[in-house]
């Protein structure tokens, strides 16, 4: 594969995930990732990602935060905070095609095996929650309602993501997230 071929960023992500799975995160170098991605250089890697850890997180957090915020802003005016969150989650989850499900399972395994990656995953989750909260506040939802709705939404998304990554693919991530959000909504109503 030549250096000029398209999808360099995606190839780097897949190469990193393959190597992290095969030999572990700590044992994998940036040079190995670049080489596995089709004979790329370390410099090419660093044009796309600031460090080895970010190859698994960088693009996703920015894109996901924007999708959530834009969909919440576009939700109908009379939507409740959780209905607006549901619109955001729909916009996010529809981007996860079935071919990404296998990668998602592998990604979870790699992250679970490394403290540095687990820490970064927590940071990503907090960033997505904050994106939801800010978008809700821009709609006029006061705190703490905005914070609670954001936490419920992200909690539902992550619970559904785990189920989807481990599933046979009969249900989409969108369907699983909607179901989980509804379960969380019912659970909060039962709290009294």
Protein backbone atom coordinates (compact mmCIF):
# COMPACT_ATOMS: atom_id res chain seq x y z
CA UNK A 1 0.00 0.00 0.00
CA UNK A 2 1.49 3.32 -1.01
CA UNK A 3 1.75 6.31 1.32
CA UNK A 4 -0.53 8.41 -0.89
CA UNK A 5 -3.53 6.07 -0.76
CA UNK A 6 -6.73 7.47 0.76
CA UNK A 7 -8.07 6.79 4.24
CA UNK A 8 -4.73 7.17 5.96
CA UNK A 9 -6.34 8.04 9.28
CA UNK A 10 -8.62 5.00 9.18
CA UNK A 11 -5.73 2.73 8.21
CA UNK A 12 -3.71 4.01 11.16
CA UNK A 13 -6.59 3.35 13.56
CA UNK A 14 -7.09 -0.19 12.26
CA UNK A 15 -3.36 -0.92 12.29
CA UNK A 16 -3.07 0.34 15.86
CA UNK A 17 -6.02 -1.74 17.00
CA UNK A 18 -4.59 -4.84 15.29
CA UNK A 19 -1.19 -4.36 16.92
CA UNK A 20 -2.62 -3.48 20.34
CA UNK A 21 -4.69 -6.68 20.14
CA UNK A 22 -1.76 -8.82 19.00
CA UNK A 23 1.05 -7.57 21.21
CA UNK A 24 -0.47 -5.16 23.71
CA UNK A 25 -0.63 -1.40 23.91
CA UNK A 26 2.64 -0.88 25.79
CA UNK A 27 4.63 -3.15 23.47
CA UNK A 28 3.46 -1.36 20.30
CA UNK A 29 5.39 1.56 18.87
CA UNK A 30 4.20 4.38 16.65
CA UNK A 31 6.66 3.22 13.98
CA UNK A 32 5.07 -0.25 13.99
CA UNK A 33 1.60 1.26 13.64
CA UNK A 34 2.73 3.40 10.70
CA UNK A 35 4.42 0.47 8.99
CA UNK A 36 1.39 -1.81 9.50
CA UNK A 37 -0.85 0.89 8.02
CA UNK A 38 0.83 0.48 4.67
CA UNK A 39 4.44 1.53 4.96
CA UNK A 40 3.71 4.96 6.38
CA UNK A 41 6.20 6.94 8.42
CA UNK A 42 6.17 8.07 12.02
CA UNK A 43 5.84 11.63 10.76
CA UNK A 44 2.65 10.67 8.89
CA UNK A 45 1.26 9.19 12.09
CA UNK A 46 1.94 12.40 14.01
CA UNK A 47 0.24 14.48 11.33
CA UNK A 48 -2.97 12.66 12.24
CA UNK A 49 -2.61 11.97 15.97
CA UNK A 50 -0.71 13.70 18.79
CA UNK A 51 0.30 10.41 20.42
CA UNK A 52 -0.23 6.65 20.40
CA UNK A 53 -3.13 6.78 22.84
CA UNK A 54 -5.11 9.26 20.77
CA UNK A 55 -5.17 6.98 17.72
CA UNK A 56 -8.12 5.25 19.42
CA UNK A 57 -9.90 8.39 20.64
CA UNK A 58 -9.04 11.65 18.85
CA UNK A 59 -11.47 11.81 15.96
CA UNK A 60 -14.33 10.09 17.69
CA UNK A 61 -14.69 12.49 20.59
CA UNK A 62 -14.77 15.64 18.46
CA UNK A 63 -17.16 14.20 15.88
CA UNK A 64 -19.40 12.56 18.46
CA UNK A 65 -19.66 15.72 20.56
CA UNK A 66 -20.60 17.76 17.49
CA UNK A 67 -23.23 15.22 16.36
CA UNK A 68 -24.82 15.23 19.81
CA UNK A 69 -24.85 19.01 20.13
CA UNK A 70 -26.16 19.65 16.61
CA UNK A 71 -29.01 17.16 16.97
CA UNK A 72 -30.03 18.54 20.35
CA UNK A 73 -30.07 22.05 18.90
CA UNK A 74 -32.24 20.82 16.01
CA UNK A 75 -34.73 18.94 18.22
CA UNK A 76 -38.29 20.32 18.10
CA UNK A 77 -38.89 23.24 20.48
CA UNK A 78 -41.43 21.40 22.67
CA UNK A 79 -39.08 18.42 23.21
CA UNK A 80 -38.39 17.53 26.82
CA UNK A 81 -34.74 17.38 27.90
CA UNK A 82 -34.71 13.57 27.53
CA UNK A 83 -36.44 13.77 24.14
CA UNK A 84 -33.73 16.20 23.01
CA UNK A 85 -31.08 13.84 24.38
CA UNK A 86 -32.73 10.98 22.48
CA UNK A 87 -32.48 13.01 19.27
CA UNK A 88 -28.79 13.55 19.95
CA UNK A 89 -28.20 9.88 20.65
CA UNK A 90 -30.06 8.91 17.47
CA UNK A 91 -27.77 11.19 15.44
CA UNK A 92 -24.71 9.67 17.07
CA UNK A 93 -25.66 6.00 16.98
CA UNK A 94 -26.86 5.95 13.38
CA UNK A 95 -23.23 6.53 12.36
CA UNK A 96 -22.21 3.15 13.80
CA UNK A 97 -22.54 0.65 10.98
CA UNK A 98 -22.53 -3.07 11.61
CA UNK A 99 -18.97 -3.42 10.29
CA UNK A 100 -17.83 -1.25 13.20
CA UNK A 101 -19.38 -3.64 15.74
CA UNK A 102 -16.48 -6.10 15.51
CA UNK A 103 -14.00 -3.25 15.91
CA UNK A 104 -15.95 -1.98 18.91
CA UNK A 105 -15.58 -5.29 20.71
CA UNK A 106 -11.85 -5.37 20.06
CA UNK A 107 -11.49 -1.75 21.12
CA UNK A 108 -13.22 -2.46 24.45
CA UNK A 109 -10.85 -5.36 25.10
CA UNK A 110 -7.75 -3.26 24.36
CA UNK A 111 -8.97 -0.40 26.54
CA UNK A 112 -9.86 -2.72 29.42
CA UNK A 113 -6.33 -4.14 29.41
CA UNK A 114 -4.55 -0.79 29.86
CA UNK A 115 -4.89 1.76 32.66
CA UNK A 116 -3.82 4.69 30.48
CA UNK A 117 -6.48 3.84 27.90
CA UNK A 118 -9.14 3.31 30.58
CA UNK A 119 -8.33 6.75 31.94
CA UNK A 120 -8.64 8.27 28.47
CA UNK A 121 -11.96 6.48 27.94
CA UNK A 122 -13.30 8.05 31.16
CA UNK A 123 -12.16 11.45 29.88
CA UNK A 124 -13.99 10.84 26.59
CA UNK A 125 -17.17 9.86 28.40
CA UNK A 126 -16.98 13.01 30.53
CA UNK A 127 -16.46 15.09 27.39
CA UNK A 128 -19.52 13.62 25.71
CA UNK A 129 -21.59 14.19 28.84
CA UNK A 130 -20.44 17.80 28.93
CA UNK A 131 -21.32 18.26 25.25
CA UNK A 132 -24.86 17.05 25.99
CA UNK A 133 -25.19 19.25 29.06
CA UNK A 134 -23.99 22.36 27.22
CA UNK A 135 -26.32 21.70 24.29
CA UNK A 136 -29.26 21.30 26.65
CA UNK A 137 -28.40 24.52 28.46
CA UNK A 138 -28.29 26.33 25.10
CA UNK A 139 -31.87 25.09 24.60
CA UNK A 140 -32.79 26.74 27.90
CA UNK A 141 -32.76 23.64 30.10
CA UNK A 142 -31.59 24.79 33.54
CA UNK A 143 -29.12 22.93 35.69
CA UNK A 144 -29.36 20.46 37.40
CA UNK A 145 -31.94 19.13 34.89
CA UNK A 146 -29.44 19.53 32.03
CA UNK A 147 -26.75 17.65 33.94
CA UNK A 148 -29.08 14.83 34.99
CA UNK A 149 -30.47 14.41 31.46
CA UNK A 150 -26.93 14.38 30.04
CA UNK A 151 -25.77 11.75 32.55
CA UNK A 152 -28.81 9.57 31.86
CA UNK A 153 -28.28 9.86 28.10
CA UNK A 154 -24.59 9.03 28.13
CA UNK A 155 -25.18 6.22 30.62
CA UNK A 156 -27.78 4.74 28.27
CA UNK A 157 -25.48 5.12 25.27
CA UNK A 158 -22.55 3.35 26.96
CA UNK A 159 -24.74 0.54 28.31
CA UNK A 160 -26.25 0.03 24.83
CA UNK A 161 -22.80 0.23 23.20
CA UNK A 162 -21.57 -2.66 25.37
CA UNK A 163 -24.58 -4.76 24.46
CA UNK A 164 -24.18 -3.92 20.76
CA UNK A 165 -20.46 -4.70 20.68
CA UNK A 166 -21.14 -8.13 22.19
CA UNK A 167 -24.25 -8.84 20.12
CA UNK A 168 -24.98 -10.81 16.98
CA UNK A 169 -26.05 -7.63 15.20
CA UNK A 170 -29.78 -8.31 15.11
CA UNK A 171 -30.43 -4.90 16.62
CA UNK A 172 -28.73 -1.69 15.63
CA UNK A 173 -26.93 0.49 18.13
CA UNK A 174 -29.68 3.05 17.64
CA UNK A 175 -32.38 0.54 18.60
CA UNK A 176 -30.45 -0.66 21.64
CA UNK A 177 -29.76 2.90 22.77
CA UNK A 178 -33.43 3.87 22.45
CA UNK A 179 -34.45 0.81 24.50
CA UNK A 180 -31.84 1.50 27.16
CA UNK A 181 -32.75 5.18 27.39
CA UNK A 182 -36.39 4.18 27.89
CA UNK A 183 -35.34 1.72 30.64
CA UNK A 184 -33.33 4.48 32.34
CA UNK A 185 -36.27 6.90 32.02
CA UNK A 186 -38.58 4.34 33.65
CA UNK A 187 -36.02 3.69 36.39
CA UNK A 188 -35.81 7.40 37.23
CA UNK A 189 -39.60 7.62 37.43
CA UNK A 190 -39.60 4.68 39.87
CA UNK A 191 -37.18 6.51 42.17
CA UNK A 192 -40.03 8.70 43.33
